[in-house]
């Protein structure tokens, strides 16, 4: 994806952007426009934008959540940003879907807990604040990212959780087909473990299918490469 190739060089010191910059210098750019078609009136669309600064910050928040604080101060490569863009688009589409029914709101205490967990991944409050400065962000912006992720996850779960359920007969079928791998363990010994594993596999498959279908039904435009003339 061409638009991701230059994003690793997004400004690392955006907190200094207001001083010493030439007038008219571009401080941020839109990299994607996400529109959810309105089923009642195709001429009306809900719209979300993804900017370069959004993309880098959201990528780093996700990496910190899942891999540790090292990503906070690392240069992100094109592949990482490409993956982050796909995640950013999916989350925005899911939240736009939730907005249509005013559903899956995040409770304040739930968001507070997510923020505490995120900050706790840093070695100190000072390190967290340094991360914010380097990204030209504040806690409110991080909370907004965390809230969108939580709400998108709820919307997605509401769509697929029941369909991902695994029956006991399916667990038994898998156990019998892989009996040689089970060693001396009985079906009862392995039943809960296998059901959980099979559920996760089906859930991930359904999640990919659902987000792909949602994107296909929406208008998503990658614009950075066009603005760059590439």
Protein backbone atom coordinates (compact mmCIF):
# COMPACT_ATOMS: atom_id res chain seq x y z
CA UNK A 1 0.00 0.00 0.00
CA UNK A 2 1.73 3.15 -1.19
CA UNK A 3 0.25 5.54 1.35
CA UNK A 4 1.94 3.78 4.27
CA UNK A 5 5.47 3.98 2.92
CA UNK A 6 6.34 7.46 4.15
CA UNK A 7 4.47 7.45 7.41
CA UNK A 8 7.28 6.15 9.60
CA UNK A 9 8.81 9.61 9.37
CA UNK A 10 5.78 11.38 10.89
CA UNK A 11 6.91 14.21 13.23
CA UNK A 12 8.29 12.88 16.52
CA UNK A 13 8.28 16.30 18.16
CA UNK A 14 4.83 17.56 17.25
CA UNK A 15 4.63 19.34 20.65
CA UNK A 16 7.10 21.86 19.18
CA UNK A 17 5.03 22.38 16.04
CA UNK A 18 3.81 25.84 17.03
CA UNK A 19 7.28 27.39 17.21
CA UNK A 20 9.74 28.12 14.43
CA UNK A 21 7.80 26.54 11.58
CA UNK A 22 7.49 28.31 8.24
CA UNK A 23 4.04 29.72 7.56
CA UNK A 24 1.96 27.35 5.47
CA UNK A 25 3.98 24.22 6.32
CA UNK A 26 1.86 21.06 6.39
CA UNK A 27 1.70 19.71 9.93
CA UNK A 28 -0.59 16.76 9.26
CA UNK A 29 -2.27 15.03 6.34
CA UNK A 30 -5.34 12.91 5.81
CA UNK A 31 -4.39 9.38 4.76
CA UNK A 32 -7.87 7.83 4.58
CA UNK A 33 -11.51 8.86 4.46
CA UNK A 34 -14.03 6.37 5.82
CA UNK A 35 -17.69 6.75 4.93
CA UNK A 36 -20.48 4.44 6.03
CA UNK A 37 -23.35 4.39 3.57
CA UNK A 38 -26.68 5.47 5.02
CA UNK A 39 -29.17 2.71 4.30
CA UNK A 40 -32.15 5.07 4.43
CA UNK A 41 -30.68 7.70 2.14
CA UNK A 42 -27.72 6.77 -0.05
CA UNK A 43 -26.94 10.46 -0.57
CA UNK A 44 -26.13 10.88 3.13
CA UNK A 45 -22.96 9.36 4.58
CA UNK A 46 -21.33 9.34 7.96
CA UNK A 47 -17.64 10.12 7.67
CA UNK A 48 -14.44 9.64 9.66
CA UNK A 49 -10.93 10.76 8.75
CA UNK A 50 -7.58 9.12 9.51
CA UNK A 51 -4.59 11.47 9.57
CA UNK A 52 -0.89 10.66 9.63
CA UNK A 53 -0.63 11.68 13.27
CA UNK A 54 -3.71 9.58 14.10
CA UNK A 55 -2.18 6.59 12.38
CA UNK A 56 1.18 6.73 14.14
CA UNK A 57 -0.34 7.35 17.56
CA UNK A 58 -2.96 4.62 17.17
CA UNK A 59 -0.32 2.17 15.96
CA UNK A 60 1.86 2.90 18.97
CA UNK A 61 -1.04 2.66 21.41
CA UNK A 62 -1.94 -0.76 20.03
CA UNK A 63 1.66 -1.97 20.09
CA UNK A 64 2.13 -0.76 23.67
CA UNK A 65 -1.08 -2.50 24.72
CA UNK A 66 -0.04 -5.81 23.20
CA UNK A 67 3.74 -5.80 23.18
CA UNK A 68 5.13 -3.40 25.74
CA UNK A 69 6.48 0.08 26.03
CA UNK A 70 9.43 -0.32 23.63
CA UNK A 71 7.15 0.64 20.74
CA UNK A 72 6.48 4.03 22.32
CA UNK A 73 9.79 5.47 21.15
CA UNK A 74 10.50 3.28 18.12
CA UNK A 75 10.33 4.25 14.45
CA UNK A 76 7.46 2.35 12.87
CA UNK A 77 8.05 0.61 9.57
CA UNK A 78 5.73 0.64 6.57
CA UNK A 79 4.30 -2.83 7.23
CA UNK A 80 3.37 -1.89 10.80
CA UNK A 81 1.67 1.29 9.65
CA UNK A 82 -0.17 -0.54 6.89
CA UNK A 83 -1.55 -2.98 9.46
CA UNK A 84 -2.40 -0.08 11.77
CA UNK A 85 -4.29 1.64 8.96
CA UNK A 86 -6.41 -1.44 8.36
CA UNK A 87 -7.16 -1.59 12.10
CA UNK A 88 -7.97 2.14 12.20
CA UNK A 89 -10.40 1.80 9.29
CA UNK A 90 -12.08 -1.28 10.81
CA UNK A 91 -12.53 0.40 14.18
CA UNK A 92 -14.05 3.51 12.65
CA UNK A 93 -16.49 1.48 10.57
CA UNK A 94 -17.55 -0.55 13.59
CA UNK A 95 -18.08 2.57 15.71
CA UNK A 96 -20.06 4.22 12.92
CA UNK A 97 -22.24 1.10 12.86
CA UNK A 98 -22.71 1.33 16.63
CA UNK A 99 -23.59 5.02 16.30
CA UNK A 100 -26.48 4.16 13.99
CA UNK A 101 -28.26 2.50 16.92
CA UNK A 102 -26.57 4.48 19.69
CA UNK A 103 -25.29 1.15 20.98
CA UNK A 104 -22.30 -0.28 22.85
CA UNK A 105 -21.32 2.79 24.82
CA UNK A 106 -18.23 2.57 27.04
CA UNK A 107 -18.84 3.26 30.71
CA UNK A 108 -16.58 5.88 32.35
CA UNK A 109 -15.16 3.39 34.85
CA UNK A 110 -14.39 0.96 31.99
CA UNK A 111 -12.48 3.65 30.14
CA UNK A 112 -10.69 4.74 33.33
CA UNK A 113 -9.54 1.15 33.86
CA UNK A 114 -8.28 0.87 30.29
CA UNK A 115 -6.37 4.13 30.70
CA UNK A 116 -4.80 2.99 33.98
CA UNK A 117 -3.76 -0.30 32.40
CA UNK A 118 -2.21 1.54 29.48
CA UNK A 119 -0.25 3.99 31.61
CA UNK A 120 0.92 1.13 33.85
CA UNK A 121 2.84 -0.31 30.90
CA UNK A 122 5.28 2.62 31.14
CA UNK A 123 8.09 2.51 33.66
CA UNK A 124 7.01 5.80 35.20
CA UNK A 125 4.55 8.63 34.85
CA UNK A 126 7.41 10.72 33.45
CA UNK A 127 8.01 8.19 30.69
CA UNK A 128 4.31 8.23 29.78
CA UNK A 129 4.32 12.03 29.66
CA UNK A 130 7.44 11.95 27.45
CA UNK A 131 5.60 9.64 25.08
CA UNK A 132 2.71 12.11 24.88
CA UNK A 133 5.06 15.02 24.18
CA UNK A 134 6.88 13.20 21.42
CA UNK A 135 3.57 12.30 19.77
CA UNK A 136 2.14 15.79 20.17
CA UNK A 137 -0.76 14.21 22.06
CA UNK A 138 -2.47 14.50 25.41
CA UNK A 139 -4.31 12.09 27.69
CA UNK A 140 -7.65 13.04 26.20
CA UNK A 141 -6.50 11.91 22.77
CA UNK A 142 -5.19 8.61 24.14
CA UNK A 143 -8.48 8.08 25.99
CA UNK A 144 -10.36 8.66 22.74
CA UNK A 145 -8.29 5.96 21.02
CA UNK A 146 -8.85 3.54 23.90
CA UNK A 147 -12.58 4.29 23.92
CA UNK A 148 -12.93 3.73 20.19
CA UNK A 149 -11.08 0.41 20.47
CA UNK A 150 -13.31 -0.75 23.32
CA UNK A 151 -16.48 0.28 21.53
CA UNK A 152 -15.43 -1.30 18.25
CA UNK A 153 -14.65 -4.54 20.07
CA UNK A 154 -18.10 -4.51 21.67
CA UNK A 155 -19.80 -3.88 18.34
CA UNK A 156 -17.86 -6.70 16.71
CA UNK A 157 -18.52 -9.06 19.61
CA UNK A 158 -22.22 -8.31 19.39
CA UNK A 159 -22.18 -9.37 15.76
CA UNK A 160 -20.27 -12.62 16.06
CA UNK A 161 -20.15 -13.95 19.63
CA UNK A 162 -23.15 -16.26 19.34
CA UNK A 163 -22.06 -17.52 15.93
CA UNK A 164 -18.64 -18.40 17.33
CA UNK A 165 -20.00 -20.77 19.95
CA UNK A 166 -18.71 -24.35 19.81
CA UNK A 167 -20.99 -27.28 20.57
CA UNK A 168 -19.86 -30.31 22.53
CA UNK A 169 -20.33 -32.47 19.45
CA UNK A 170 -17.89 -30.24 17.55
CA UNK A 171 -15.38 -30.58 20.37
CA UNK A 172 -15.83 -34.36 20.35
CA UNK A 173 -15.39 -34.47 16.57
CA UNK A 174 -12.13 -32.51 16.82
CA UNK A 175 -10.90 -34.67 19.71
CA UNK A 176 -11.57 -37.88 17.80
CA UNK A 177 -9.91 -36.54 14.65
CA UNK A 178 -6.78 -35.57 16.62
CA UNK A 179 -6.72 -38.33 19.19
CA UNK A 180 -3.10 -39.21 18.43
CA UNK A 181 -2.10 -35.72 19.58
CA UNK A 182 -3.97 -36.01 22.89
CA UNK A 183 -1.66 -38.54 24.50
CA UNK A 184 -3.22 -40.25 27.48
CA UNK A 185 -5.71 -37.43 28.10
CA UNK A 186 -9.39 -38.31 28.00
CA UNK A 187 -12.09 -36.29 26.28
CA UNK A 188 -13.22 -34.93 29.65
CA UNK A 189 -9.65 -33.86 30.43
CA UNK A 190 -9.34 -31.88 27.20
CA UNK A 191 -12.90 -30.73 26.60
CA UNK A 192 -12.71 -27.23 28.11
CA UNK A 193 -9.29 -26.49 26.65
CA UNK A 194 -10.33 -27.61 23.18
CA UNK A 195 -13.62 -25.72 23.29
CA UNK A 196 -11.80 -22.52 24.20
CA UNK A 197 -9.24 -23.00 21.44
CA UNK A 198 -11.87 -23.82 18.82
CA UNK A 199 -13.94 -20.83 19.91
CA UNK A 200 -10.98 -18.49 19.49
CA UNK A 201 -10.21 -19.89 16.05
CA UNK A 202 -13.79 -19.48 14.87
CA UNK A 203 -14.07 -16.04 16.48
CA UNK A 204 -10.99 -14.78 14.65
CA UNK A 205 -12.26 -16.15 11.35
CA UNK A 206 -15.68 -14.55 11.81
CA UNK A 207 -14.10 -11.26 12.88
CA UNK A 208 -12.09 -11.09 9.66
CA UNK A 209 -15.14 -11.94 7.57
CA UNK A 210 -17.32 -9.37 9.35
CA UNK A 211 -14.85 -6.52 9.05
CA UNK A 212 -14.21 -7.40 5.40
CA UNK A 213 -17.95 -7.35 4.69
CA UNK A 214 -18.38 -4.05 6.51
CA UNK A 215 -15.56 -2.49 4.55
CA UNK A 216 -16.95 -3.79 1.27
CA UNK A 217 -20.29 -2.13 2.05
CA UNK A 218 -18.63 1.18 2.97
CA UNK A 219 -16.74 3.85 1.07
CA UNK A 220 -13.08 3.85 2.07
CA UNK A 221 -10.68 6.09 0.20
CA UNK A 222 -6.92 6.12 0.71
CA UNK A 223 -5.81 9.62 -0.18
CA UNK A 224 -2.18 10.09 0.90
CA UNK A 225 -0.68 8.55 -2.23
CA UNK A 226 -2.81 10.81 -4.45
CA UNK A 227 -1.80 13.91 -2.49
CA UNK A 228 1.83 12.86 -2.82
CA UNK A 229 1.42 12.45 -6.55
CA UNK A 230 2.49 8.78 -6.37
